[in-house]
């Protein structure tokens, strides 16, 4: 039987407990989950962390998850999924407002790579309000973000964001 590989793409700038929740839940559903740090052209120049830093932060958070690996890619997600032999793209949805954009991306990815399906995973209720941009804003204004970021990387994230 073919290994069921899923790709979970995102900018992860920085990773939040919401992201980590989606990763852990996906790891229960698929044989292998590849968390892929993507370079989002719409957010170009506004990243607090380099791609390399984001990859390292995600790796630290997923160390104990044997079927999870971390990678980075700059290009079309549909092509990356094809290269990895993925059967699914996992997307987390926080609110209905996320759905329209994610649905459009899913349709485009399906046209570009007919072998993949997009799996939408609802955020856990306690994480529905979380986003990396909110974390950055709260931290830069001196607020406590420790409840919203993985403890494995909280010091690195806070140190970097406090320097602005």
Foldseek 3Di string as FASTA:
>chain_A
DDFAEEEEEDQCLPPWVQNVVLVVVVLVVGQAYEYENEDDPVCPPPRLDDNVVRQVQVCLSCVVRPRYHYYYDYDQPLVVCVVVVHQEYEDEALDPVVPVVVVVSQVVSCVVHVRHHYDYDYGDPVCSVDDSVVLLVCLCVPHDCVVIHDPSCVVVSSVSSVVD
